[in-house]
Amino acid sequence: MSKKAFLFPGQGSQYVGMAKDLFEKSVEAKEMIRTADDILGVNLSYIMFNGPEEELKQTQYTQPVIFLHSVILASIIRTIDANAAAGHSLGEYSAYVASGTIQFHEAIKLVRARGVAMQEAGDQNKGTMAAVIGLEPEKVESLCAEASSTGVVQCANFNSPGQIVISGSVDGVKKAMELCKGAGAKMVKELVVSAAFHSPLMLSAKEKLNAALDATNFYKSKFPVYTNVTAEPVESISEIKSMLYEQITAPVRWDETIRNM
């Protein structure tokens, strides 16, 4: 019997005009978007539909708008029975809403708190990220360890075989990029990002997120959600909260997650 999984995107998949078609054609989408605006006291719908792009790219807005778009789509196709779900970084929150683990009205507040905390951490600790194509994960981890004498740097996303993103301080990432090029990487490219996500530079965001997690109600999942931190399914509420907390500074094991699913 074939099995189905819901997969949800993370930061970087935003675009001006997102969800406008859903808002205009679906009563359910319109209600969810208006509810999000009301709960947060932020005109998210205007930013989603009209931009400007610079505002949409601010982490404090990017995260809730991508989450909102994702959970609207999941709600619209809810008659499809999923056997599992996963989401890339921020997308893990969308997966927990789809699985019934967190209610939408609480999750939008949690995601907004995460976005604000991560933007503040990025403002306090300037960093960057870079994509590395064509090296084995173990090699990139080793080169990051070598470069860490220059500055903070670690693997942040194991996206697919041969595609890894590194993250950390500007000096640390630049040194690791140099080492990866020297080791024969097919491509090494710095990314246009506002912060060093999934690195120790996000530590202050973890503590702020923890308070928001404690204020959120969690429920038993309807189906397993595979977590970024371990690439394994999690179902116990205490483990889910722990994984969301750790996820802020831990690498996203997406390649493993997809294979495990």
C-alpha atoms as a PDB file:
ATOM      1  CA  MET A   1       0.000   0.000   0.000  1.00  0.00           C
ATOM      2  CA  SER A   2       1.387   3.413  -0.911  1.00  0.00           C
ATOM      3  CA  LYS A   3       1.988   5.830   1.923  1.00  0.00           C
ATOM      4  CA  LYS A   4       1.772   9.606   1.914  1.00  0.00           C
ATOM      5  CA  ALA A   5       3.771  12.255   3.743  1.00  0.00           C
ATOM      6  CA  PHE A   6       3.323  15.998   4.059  1.00  0.00           C
ATOM      7  CA  LEU A   7       6.520  18.021   3.579  1.00  0.00           C
ATOM      8  CA  PHE A   8       6.745  21.693   4.512  1.00  0.00           C
ATOM      9  CA  PRO A   9       9.222  24.390   3.397  1.00  0.00           C
ATOM     10  CA  GLY A  10      11.311  26.675   5.561  1.00  0.00           C
ATOM     11  CA  GLN A  11      12.649  30.191   5.310  1.00  0.00           C
ATOM     12  CA  GLY A  12      13.647  31.276   1.811  1.00  0.00           C
ATOM     13  CA  SER A  13      10.487  30.099   0.034  1.00  0.00           C
ATOM     14  CA  GLN A  14       8.638  33.402   0.546  1.00  0.00           C
ATOM     15  CA  TYR A  15       7.572  35.635  -2.345  1.00  0.00           C
ATOM     16  CA  VAL A  16       5.468  38.789  -2.704  1.00  0.00           C
ATOM     17  CA  GLY A  17       1.878  37.829  -3.508  1.00  0.00           C
ATOM     18  CA  MET A  18       1.953  34.538  -1.602  1.00  0.00           C
ATOM     19  CA  ALA A  19      -1.482  33.172  -0.581  1.00  0.00           C
ATOM     20  CA  LYS A  20      -3.344  36.039  -2.301  1.00  0.00           C
ATOM     21  CA  ASP A  21      -5.045  33.566  -4.649  1.00  0.00           C
ATOM     22  CA  LEU A  22      -6.090  31.422  -1.692  1.00  0.00           C
ATOM     23  CA  PHE A  23      -7.416  34.469   0.182  1.00  0.00           C
ATOM     24  CA  GLU A  24      -9.557  35.457  -2.821  1.00  0.00           C
ATOM     25  CA  LYS A  25     -10.898  31.976  -3.627  1.00  0.00           C
ATOM     26  CA  SER A  26     -11.204  30.177  -0.275  1.00  0.00           C
ATOM     27  CA  VAL A  27     -13.375  31.250   2.673  1.00  0.00           C
ATOM     28  CA  GLU A  28     -11.288  28.993   4.910  1.00  0.00           C
ATOM     29  CA  ALA A  29      -8.021  30.616   3.794  1.00  0.00           C
ATOM     30  CA  LYS A  30      -9.495  34.102   4.242  1.00  0.00           C
ATOM     31  CA  GLU A  31     -10.572  33.269   7.801  1.00  0.00           C
ATOM     32  CA  MET A  32      -7.177  31.779   8.725  1.00  0.00           C
ATOM     33  CA  ILE A  33      -5.286  34.792   7.364  1.00  0.00           C
ATOM     34  CA  ARG A  34      -7.579  37.263   9.136  1.00  0.00           C
ATOM     35  CA  THR A  35      -7.276  35.236  12.356  1.00  0.00           C
ATOM     36  CA  ALA A  36      -3.462  35.364  12.135  1.00  0.00           C
ATOM     37  CA  ASP A  37      -3.566  39.154  11.624  1.00  0.00           C
ATOM     38  CA  ASP A  38      -5.844  39.544  14.650  1.00  0.00           C
ATOM     39  CA  ILE A  39      -3.918  37.201  16.957  1.00  0.00           C
ATOM     40  CA  LEU A  40      -0.551  38.807  16.223  1.00  0.00           C
ATOM     41  CA  GLY A  41      -1.760  42.378  15.866  1.00  0.00           C
ATOM     42  CA  VAL A  42       0.401  42.543  12.721  1.00  0.00           C
ATOM     43  CA  ASN A  43      -0.858  43.141   9.178  1.00  0.00           C
ATOM     44  CA  LEU A  44       0.736  39.938   7.871  1.00  0.00           C
ATOM     45  CA  SER A  45      -1.712  39.723   4.986  1.00  0.00           C
ATOM     46  CA  TYR A  46      -0.592  43.099   3.609  1.00  0.00           C
ATOM     47  CA  ILE A  47       3.085  42.073   3.794  1.00  0.00           C
ATOM     48  CA  MET A  48       2.316  38.715   2.140  1.00  0.00           C
ATOM     49  CA  PHE A  49       0.255  40.173  -0.675  1.00  0.00           C
ATOM     50  CA  ASN A  50       2.092  43.439  -1.334  1.00  0.00           C
ATOM     51  CA  GLY A  51       5.563  43.330   0.218  1.00  0.00           C
ATOM     52  CA  PRO A  52       7.792  45.233  -0.050  1.00  0.00           C
ATOM     53  CA  GLU A  53      10.178  42.328  -0.498  1.00  0.00           C
ATOM     54  CA  GLU A  54      12.678  43.817   1.983  1.00  0.00           C
ATOM     55  CA  GLU A  55      10.031  43.678   4.701  1.00  0.00           C
ATOM     56  CA  LEU A  56       8.882  40.209   3.694  1.00  0.00           C
ATOM     57  CA  LYS A  57      12.510  39.010   4.002  1.00  0.00           C
ATOM     58  CA  GLN A  58      12.748  40.111   7.649  1.00  0.00           C
ATOM     59  CA  THR A  59      12.834  36.934   9.728  1.00  0.00           C
ATOM     60  CA  GLN A  60      10.166  38.200  12.135  1.00  0.00           C
ATOM     61  CA  TYR A  61       7.699  38.321   9.193  1.00  0.00           C
ATOM     62  CA  THR A  62       9.130  35.641   6.909  1.00  0.00           C
ATOM     63  CA  GLN A  63       8.595  32.830   9.385  1.00  0.00           C
ATOM     64  CA  PRO A  64       4.938  33.478  10.225  1.00  0.00           C
ATOM     65  CA  VAL A  65       3.943  34.126   6.577  1.00  0.00           C
ATOM     66  CA  ILE A  66       5.543  30.909   5.279  1.00  0.00           C
ATOM     67  CA  PHE A  67       4.020  28.987   8.180  1.00  0.00           C
ATOM     68  CA  LEU A  68       0.601  30.540   7.500  1.00  0.00           C
ATOM     69  CA  HIS A  69       0.743  29.718   3.777  1.00  0.00           C
ATOM     70  CA  SER A  70       1.764  26.129   4.570  1.00  0.00           C
ATOM     71  CA  VAL A  71      -0.919  25.396   7.157  1.00  0.00           C
ATOM     72  CA  ILE A  72      -3.641  26.896   4.959  1.00  0.00           C
ATOM     73  CA  LEU A  73      -2.672  24.488   2.161  1.00  0.00           C
ATOM     74  CA  ALA A  74      -2.484  21.569   4.616  1.00  0.00           C
ATOM     75  CA  SER A  75      -5.938  22.448   5.921  1.00  0.00           C
ATOM     76  CA  ILE A  76      -7.414  22.632   2.423  1.00  0.00           C
ATOM     77  CA  ILE A  77      -6.091  19.136   1.547  1.00  0.00           C
ATOM     78  CA  ARG A  78      -6.811  17.622   4.985  1.00  0.00           C
ATOM     79  CA  THR A  79      -9.056  14.928   3.467  1.00  0.00           C
ATOM     80  CA  ILE A  80      -5.830  13.294   2.245  1.00  0.00           C
ATOM     81  CA  ASP A  81      -4.685  10.892   4.962  1.00  0.00           C
ATOM     82  CA  ALA A  82      -1.000  11.379   5.710  1.00  0.00           C
ATOM     83  CA  ASN A  83       1.140   8.671   7.296  1.00  0.00           C
ATOM     84  CA  ALA A  84       3.886  11.059   8.383  1.00  0.00           C
ATOM     85  CA  ALA A  85       5.111  14.639   8.064  1.00  0.00           C
ATOM     86  CA  ALA A  86       8.310  16.656   8.181  1.00  0.00           C
ATOM     87  CA  GLY A  87       9.311  20.260   7.642  1.00  0.00           C
ATOM     88  CA  HIS A  88      12.610  21.975   6.916  1.00  0.00           C
ATOM     89  CA  SER A  89      13.539  24.112   9.951  1.00  0.00           C
ATOM     90  CA  LEU A  90      10.539  26.469  10.326  1.00  0.00           C
ATOM     91  CA  GLY A  91       8.532  23.905   8.331  1.00  0.00           C
ATOM     92  CA  GLU A  92       8.624  21.530  11.290  1.00  0.00           C
ATOM     93  CA  TYR A  93       6.095  23.804  13.015  1.00  0.00           C
ATOM     94  CA  SER A  94       3.745  23.483  10.030  1.00  0.00           C
ATOM     95  CA  ALA A  95       4.131  19.693  10.286  1.00  0.00           C
ATOM     96  CA  TYR A  96       3.063  19.751  13.932  1.00  0.00           C
ATOM     97  CA  VAL A  97      -0.065  21.731  13.077  1.00  0.00           C
ATOM     98  CA  ALA A  98      -0.910  19.289  10.266  1.00  0.00           C
ATOM     99  CA  SER A  99      -0.490  16.391  12.705  1.00  0.00           C
ATOM    100  CA  GLY A 100      -2.734  18.039  15.323  1.00  0.00           C
ATOM    101  CA  THR A 101       0.140  18.392  17.790  1.00  0.00           C
ATOM    102  CA  ILE A 102      -0.226  22.189  18.056  1.00  0.00           C
ATOM    103  CA  GLN A 103      -3.392  24.153  17.374  1.00  0.00           C
ATOM    104  CA  PHE A 104      -3.177  26.822  14.668  1.00  0.00           C
ATOM    105  CA  HIS A 105      -4.053  29.769  16.937  1.00  0.00           C
ATOM    106  CA  GLU A 106      -1.238  28.874  19.337  1.00  0.00           C
ATOM    107  CA  ALA A 107       1.264  27.855  16.652  1.00  0.00           C
ATOM    108  CA  ILE A 108       1.085  31.221  14.863  1.00  0.00           C
ATOM    109  CA  LYS A 109       2.077  32.950  18.128  1.00  0.00           C
ATOM    110  CA  LEU A 110       4.871  30.428  18.690  1.00  0.00           C
ATOM    111  CA  VAL A 111       6.254  30.885  15.165  1.00  0.00           C
ATOM    112  CA  ARG A 112       6.103  34.663  15.455  1.00  0.00           C
ATOM    113  CA  ALA A 113       8.027  34.459  18.768  1.00  0.00           C
ATOM    114  CA  ARG A 114      10.607  32.227  17.071  1.00  0.00           C
ATOM    115  CA  GLY A 115      11.009  34.643  14.159  1.00  0.00           C
ATOM    116  CA  VAL A 116      11.420  37.682  16.410  1.00  0.00           C
ATOM    117  CA  ALA A 117      13.899  35.855  18.668  1.00  0.00           C
ATOM    118  CA  MET A 118      15.991  34.668  15.724  1.00  0.00           C
ATOM    119  CA  GLN A 119      16.008  38.128  14.109  1.00  0.00           C
ATOM    120  CA  GLU A 120      17.163  39.676  17.405  1.00  0.00           C
ATOM    121  CA  ALA A 121      19.887  37.015  17.763  1.00  0.00           C
ATOM    122  CA  GLY A 122      21.023  37.750  14.209  1.00  0.00           C
ATOM    123  CA  ASP A 123      21.155  41.491  14.914  1.00  0.00           C
ATOM    124  CA  GLN A 124      23.230  40.885  18.061  1.00  0.00           C
ATOM    125  CA  ASN A 125      25.595  38.294  16.540  1.00  0.00           C
ATOM    126  CA  LYS A 126      26.338  39.051  12.908  1.00  0.00           C
ATOM    127  CA  GLY A 127      26.964  35.947  10.878  1.00  0.00           C
ATOM    128  CA  THR A 128      26.504  34.359   7.485  1.00  0.00           C
ATOM    129  CA  MET A 129      25.872  31.047   5.707  1.00  0.00           C
ATOM    130  CA  ALA A 130      27.261  29.337   2.622  1.00  0.00           C
ATOM    131  CA  ALA A 131      26.299  26.417   0.393  1.00  0.00           C
ATOM    132  CA  VAL A 132      28.884  23.719  -0.289  1.00  0.00           C
ATOM    133  CA  ILE A 133      28.300  21.409  -3.270  1.00  0.00           C
ATOM    134  CA  GLY A 134      30.182  18.192  -3.987  1.00  0.00           C
ATOM    135  CA  LEU A 135      31.826  17.163  -0.715  1.00  0.00           C
ATOM    136  CA  GLU A 136      30.901  14.348   1.673  1.00  0.00           C
ATOM    137  CA  PRO A 137      29.217  15.411   4.947  1.00  0.00           C
ATOM    138  CA  GLU A 138      32.054  14.030   7.057  1.00  0.00           C
ATOM    139  CA  LYS A 139      34.568  16.063   5.043  1.00  0.00           C
ATOM    140  CA  VAL A 140      32.618  19.312   5.454  1.00  0.00           C
ATOM    141  CA  GLU A 141      32.225  18.672   9.195  1.00  0.00           C
ATOM    142  CA  SER A 142      35.968  18.085   9.468  1.00  0.00           C
ATOM    143  CA  LEU A 143      36.780  21.291   7.554  1.00  0.00           C
ATOM    144  CA  CYS A 144      34.360  23.293   9.714  1.00  0.00           C
ATOM    145  CA  ALA A 145      36.104  21.939  12.815  1.00  0.00           C
ATOM    146  CA  GLU A 146      39.423  23.039  11.345  1.00  0.00           C
ATOM    147  CA  ALA A 147      38.074  26.499  10.473  1.00  0.00           C
ATOM    148  CA  SER A 148      36.527  26.990  13.919  1.00  0.00           C
ATOM    149  CA  SER A 149      39.895  28.181  15.250  1.00  0.00           C
ATOM    150  CA  THR A 150      39.236  31.292  13.116  1.00  0.00           C
ATOM    151  CA  GLY A 151      35.584  31.756  14.126  1.00  0.00           C
ATOM    152  CA  VAL A 152      32.329  29.952  14.854  1.00  0.00           C
ATOM    153  CA  VAL A 153      31.246  27.670  11.991  1.00  0.00           C
ATOM    154  CA  GLN A 154      29.330  24.398  11.677  1.00  0.00           C
ATOM    155  CA  CYS A 155      27.157  22.445   9.262  1.00  0.00           C
ATOM    156  CA  ALA A 156      23.637  23.893   9.394  1.00  0.00           C
ATOM    157  CA  ASN A 157      21.675  21.980   6.728  1.00  0.00           C
ATOM    158  CA  PHE A 158      22.347  18.554   5.253  1.00  0.00           C
ATOM    159  CA  ASN A 159      19.927  19.173   2.389  1.00  0.00           C
ATOM    160  CA  SER A 160      20.674  16.407  -0.095  1.00  0.00           C
ATOM    161  CA  PRO A 161      23.582  14.171  -1.080  1.00  0.00           C
ATOM    162  CA  GLY A 162      26.430  16.570  -1.837  1.00  0.00           C
ATOM    163  CA  GLN A 163      24.548  19.756  -0.861  1.00  0.00           C
ATOM    164  CA  ILE A 164      25.393  21.107   2.587  1.00  0.00           C
ATOM    165  CA  VAL A 165      24.946  24.572   4.089  1.00  0.00           C
ATOM    166  CA  ILE A 166      27.411  25.864   6.692  1.00  0.00           C
ATOM    167  CA  SER A 167      26.699  28.641   9.184  1.00  0.00           C
ATOM    168  CA  GLY A 168      28.488  30.812  11.719  1.00  0.00           C
ATOM    169  CA  SER A 169      30.505  33.978  12.161  1.00  0.00           C
ATOM    170  CA  VAL A 170      31.677  35.799   9.031  1.00  0.00           C
ATOM    171  CA  ASP A 171      35.339  34.916   9.679  1.00  0.00           C
ATOM    172  CA  GLY A 172      34.558  31.287  10.489  1.00  0.00           C
ATOM    173  CA  VAL A 173      32.388  30.745   7.419  1.00  0.00           C
ATOM    174  CA  LYS A 174      34.853  32.502   5.090  1.00  0.00           C
ATOM    175  CA  LYS A 175      37.677  30.267   6.371  1.00  0.00           C
ATOM    176  CA  ALA A 176      35.568  27.123   5.960  1.00  0.00           C
ATOM    177  CA  MET A 177      34.623  28.218   2.428  1.00  0.00           C
ATOM    178  CA  GLU A 178      38.307  28.591   1.583  1.00  0.00           C
ATOM    179  CA  LEU A 179      39.077  25.124   2.984  1.00  0.00           C
ATOM    180  CA  CYS A 180      36.151  23.527   1.128  1.00  0.00           C
ATOM    181  CA  LYS A 181      37.290  25.057  -2.161  1.00  0.00           C
ATOM    182  CA  GLY A 182      40.780  23.734  -1.503  1.00  0.00           C
ATOM    183  CA  ALA A 183      39.357  20.266  -0.799  1.00  0.00           C
ATOM    184  CA  GLY A 184      37.770  20.103  -4.248  1.00  0.00           C
ATOM    185  CA  ALA A 185      34.173  21.234  -3.711  1.00  0.00           C
ATOM    186  CA  LYS A 186      32.338  21.727  -7.025  1.00  0.00           C
ATOM    187  CA  MET A 187      30.835  24.964  -5.771  1.00  0.00           C
ATOM    188  CA  VAL A 188      31.053  27.091  -2.618  1.00  0.00           C
ATOM    189  CA  LYS A 189      28.707  30.071  -2.474  1.00  0.00           C
ATOM    190  CA  GLU A 190      27.887  32.518   0.299  1.00  0.00           C
ATOM    191  CA  LEU A 191      24.124  32.878   0.789  1.00  0.00           C
ATOM    192  CA  VAL A 192      22.174  36.115   1.092  1.00  0.00           C
ATOM    193  CA  VAL A 193      20.820  35.646   4.629  1.00  0.00           C
ATOM    194  CA  SER A 194      20.112  37.923   7.573  1.00  0.00           C
ATOM    195  CA  ALA A 195      21.704  35.666  10.215  1.00  0.00           C
ATOM    196  CA  ALA A 196      23.693  32.506  10.935  1.00  0.00           C
ATOM    197  CA  PHE A 197      20.756  30.140  11.390  1.00  0.00           C
ATOM    198  CA  HIS A 198      21.282  26.718  12.986  1.00  0.00           C
ATOM    199  CA  SER A 199      24.559  27.772  14.576  1.00  0.00           C
ATOM    200  CA  PRO A 200      25.677  28.691  18.118  1.00  0.00           C
ATOM    201  CA  LEU A 201      25.112  32.363  17.199  1.00  0.00           C
ATOM    202  CA  MET A 202      21.380  31.641  17.667  1.00  0.00           C
ATOM    203  CA  LEU A 203      21.844  30.668  21.331  1.00  0.00           C
ATOM    204  CA  SER A 204      19.988  33.691  22.740  1.00  0.00           C
ATOM    205  CA  ALA A 205      16.966  32.811  20.567  1.00  0.00           C
ATOM    206  CA  LYS A 206      16.744  29.380  22.205  1.00  0.00           C
ATOM    207  CA  GLU A 207      16.068  30.823  25.636  1.00  0.00           C
ATOM    208  CA  LYS A 208      13.358  33.160  24.322  1.00  0.00           C
ATOM    209  CA  LEU A 209      11.774  30.310  22.372  1.00  0.00           C
ATOM    210  CA  ASN A 210      11.789  28.125  25.474  1.00  0.00           C
ATOM    211  CA  ALA A 211       9.430  30.533  27.257  1.00  0.00           C
ATOM    212  CA  ALA A 212       7.087  30.469  24.241  1.00  0.00           C
ATOM    213  CA  LEU A 213       7.208  26.650  24.094  1.00  0.00           C
ATOM    214  CA  ASP A 214       6.285  26.461  27.786  1.00  0.00           C
ATOM    215  CA  ALA A 215       3.268  28.687  27.141  1.00  0.00           C
ATOM    216  CA  THR A 216       2.017  26.444  24.299  1.00  0.00           C
ATOM    217  CA  ASN A 217      -0.334  23.458  24.613  1.00  0.00           C
ATOM    218  CA  PHE A 218       0.788  20.277  22.856  1.00  0.00           C
ATOM    219  CA  TYR A 219      -1.432  17.302  21.971  1.00  0.00           C
ATOM    220  CA  LYS A 220      -0.884  13.724  20.840  1.00  0.00           C
ATOM    221  CA  SER A 221       0.049  13.583  17.148  1.00  0.00           C
ATOM    222  CA  LYS A 222      -2.309  11.935  14.655  1.00  0.00           C
ATOM    223  CA  PHE A 223       0.751  10.655  12.772  1.00  0.00           C
ATOM    224  CA  PRO A 224       4.528  10.756  13.322  1.00  0.00           C
ATOM    225  CA  VAL A 225       6.481  13.919  12.619  1.00  0.00           C
ATOM    226  CA  TYR A 226      10.158  13.463  11.739  1.00  0.00           C
ATOM    227  CA  THR A 227      12.293  15.992  13.571  1.00  0.00           C
ATOM    228  CA  ASN A 228      15.188  17.952  12.036  1.00  0.00           C
ATOM    229  CA  VAL A 229      17.520  17.279  14.956  1.00  0.00           C
ATOM    230  CA  THR A 230      17.565  13.468  14.808  1.00  0.00           C
ATOM    231  CA  ALA A 231      15.874  12.728  11.447  1.00  0.00           C
ATOM    232  CA  GLU A 232      13.671  10.298  13.386  1.00  0.00           C
ATOM    233  CA  PRO A 233       9.938  10.371  14.194  1.00  0.00           C
ATOM    234  CA  VAL A 234       8.925  11.920  17.518  1.00  0.00           C
ATOM    235  CA  GLU A 235       5.581  11.519  19.230  1.00  0.00           C
ATOM    236  CA  SER A 236       5.999  12.189  22.967  1.00  0.00           C
ATOM    237  CA  ILE A 237       5.200  15.780  23.915  1.00  0.00           C
ATOM    238  CA  SER A 238       8.302  16.222  26.087  1.00  0.00           C
ATOM    239  CA  GLU A 239      10.536  15.067  23.217  1.00  0.00           C
ATOM    240  CA  ILE A 240       8.769  17.307  20.685  1.00  0.00           C
ATOM    241  CA  LYS A 241       9.332  20.383  22.870  1.00  0.00           C
ATOM    242  CA  SER A 242      12.950  19.389  23.461  1.00  0.00           C
ATOM    243  CA  MET A 243      13.597  18.909  19.722  1.00  0.00           C
ATOM    244  CA  LEU A 244      12.055  22.289  18.816  1.00  0.00           C
ATOM    245  CA  TYR A 245      14.276  23.918  21.435  1.00  0.00           C
ATOM    246  CA  GLU A 246      17.453  22.173  20.202  1.00  0.00           C
ATOM    247  CA  GLN A 247      16.574  22.762  16.548  1.00  0.00           C
ATOM    248  CA  ILE A 248      17.475  26.476  16.775  1.00  0.00           C
ATOM    249  CA  THR A 249      21.220  25.741  17.021  1.00  0.00           C
ATOM    250  CA  ALA A 250      21.355  22.180  15.641  1.00  0.00           C
ATOM    251  CA  PRO A 251      21.825  21.136  11.997  1.00  0.00           C
ATOM    252  CA  VAL A 252      18.778  20.251   9.880  1.00  0.00           C
ATOM    253  CA  ARG A 253      19.243  16.586   8.884  1.00  0.00           C
ATOM    254  CA  TRP A 254      16.944  16.792   5.866  1.00  0.00           C
ATOM    255  CA  ASP A 255      18.682  14.248   3.650  1.00  0.00           C
ATOM    256  CA  GLU A 256      18.506  11.635   6.441  1.00  0.00           C
ATOM    257  CA  THR A 257      14.909  12.608   7.235  1.00  0.00           C
ATOM    258  CA  ILE A 258      13.716  11.948   3.684  1.00  0.00           C
ATOM    259  CA  ARG A 259      15.560   8.610   3.524  1.00  0.00           C
ATOM    260  CA  ASN A 260      14.200   7.552   6.926  1.00  0.00           C
ATOM    261  CA  MET A 261      10.668   8.470   5.931  1.00  0.00           C
END
